[in-house]
Amino acid sequence: MGRIIRALVLLAILAFAGLTGYAYLADLKPEQGEVTKPVVLDAN
């Protein structure tokens, strides 16, 4: 049982390190662009 818990802890640490590395090294810049949407006002 101890081996399973140790393996899960190691897997969680590796997953956290991988996610952190991906967040810092990946190109996560959002695409920028102008958005226009017509608005119909009901002024009765």
Protein backbone atom coordinates (compact mmCIF):
# COMPACT_ATOMS: atom_id res chain seq x y z
CA MET A 1 0.00 0.00 0.00
CA GLY A 2 2.89 2.33 0.72
CA ARG A 3 4.30 1.85 -2.78
CA ILE A 4 1.02 2.90 -4.35
CA ILE A 5 0.81 6.07 -2.26
CA ARG A 6 4.46 6.88 -3.00
CA ALA A 7 3.85 6.35 -6.72
CA LEU A 8 0.77 8.59 -6.66
CA VAL A 9 2.68 11.34 -4.85
CA LEU A 10 5.52 11.09 -7.38
CA LEU A 11 3.04 11.19 -10.25
CA ALA A 12 1.33 14.26 -8.77
CA ILE A 13 4.69 16.05 -8.39
CA LEU A 14 5.66 15.23 -11.98
CA ALA A 15 2.26 16.38 -13.26
CA PHE A 16 2.57 19.66 -11.36
CA ALA A 17 6.11 20.22 -12.69
CA GLY A 18 4.97 19.46 -16.23
CA LEU A 19 2.01 21.81 -16.00
CA THR A 20 4.20 24.56 -14.56
CA GLY A 21 6.78 24.10 -17.32
CA TYR A 22 4.09 24.17 -19.99
CA ALA A 23 2.60 27.36 -18.56
CA TYR A 24 5.96 29.13 -18.55
CA LEU A 25 7.35 27.85 -21.84
CA ALA A 26 4.30 27.50 -24.08
CA ASP A 27 3.03 30.26 -26.33
CA LEU A 28 -0.12 31.20 -24.47
CA LYS A 29 -0.66 34.68 -25.92
CA PRO A 30 -4.29 35.42 -26.76
CA GLU A 31 -5.23 36.37 -30.29
CA GLN A 32 -6.17 40.02 -30.51
CA GLY A 33 -8.64 41.48 -32.93
CA GLU A 34 -11.44 43.99 -33.21
CA VAL A 35 -14.92 42.67 -32.57
CA THR A 36 -17.96 44.60 -33.78
CA LYS A 37 -21.52 43.59 -33.12
CA PRO A 38 -24.58 45.65 -34.10
CA VAL A 39 -26.96 46.54 -31.29
CA VAL A 40 -30.65 47.13 -31.86
CA LEU A 41 -32.19 49.41 -29.24
CA ASP A 42 -35.90 49.24 -28.54
CA ALA A 43 -36.71 52.88 -27.67
CA ASN A 44 -40.53 52.81 -27.59
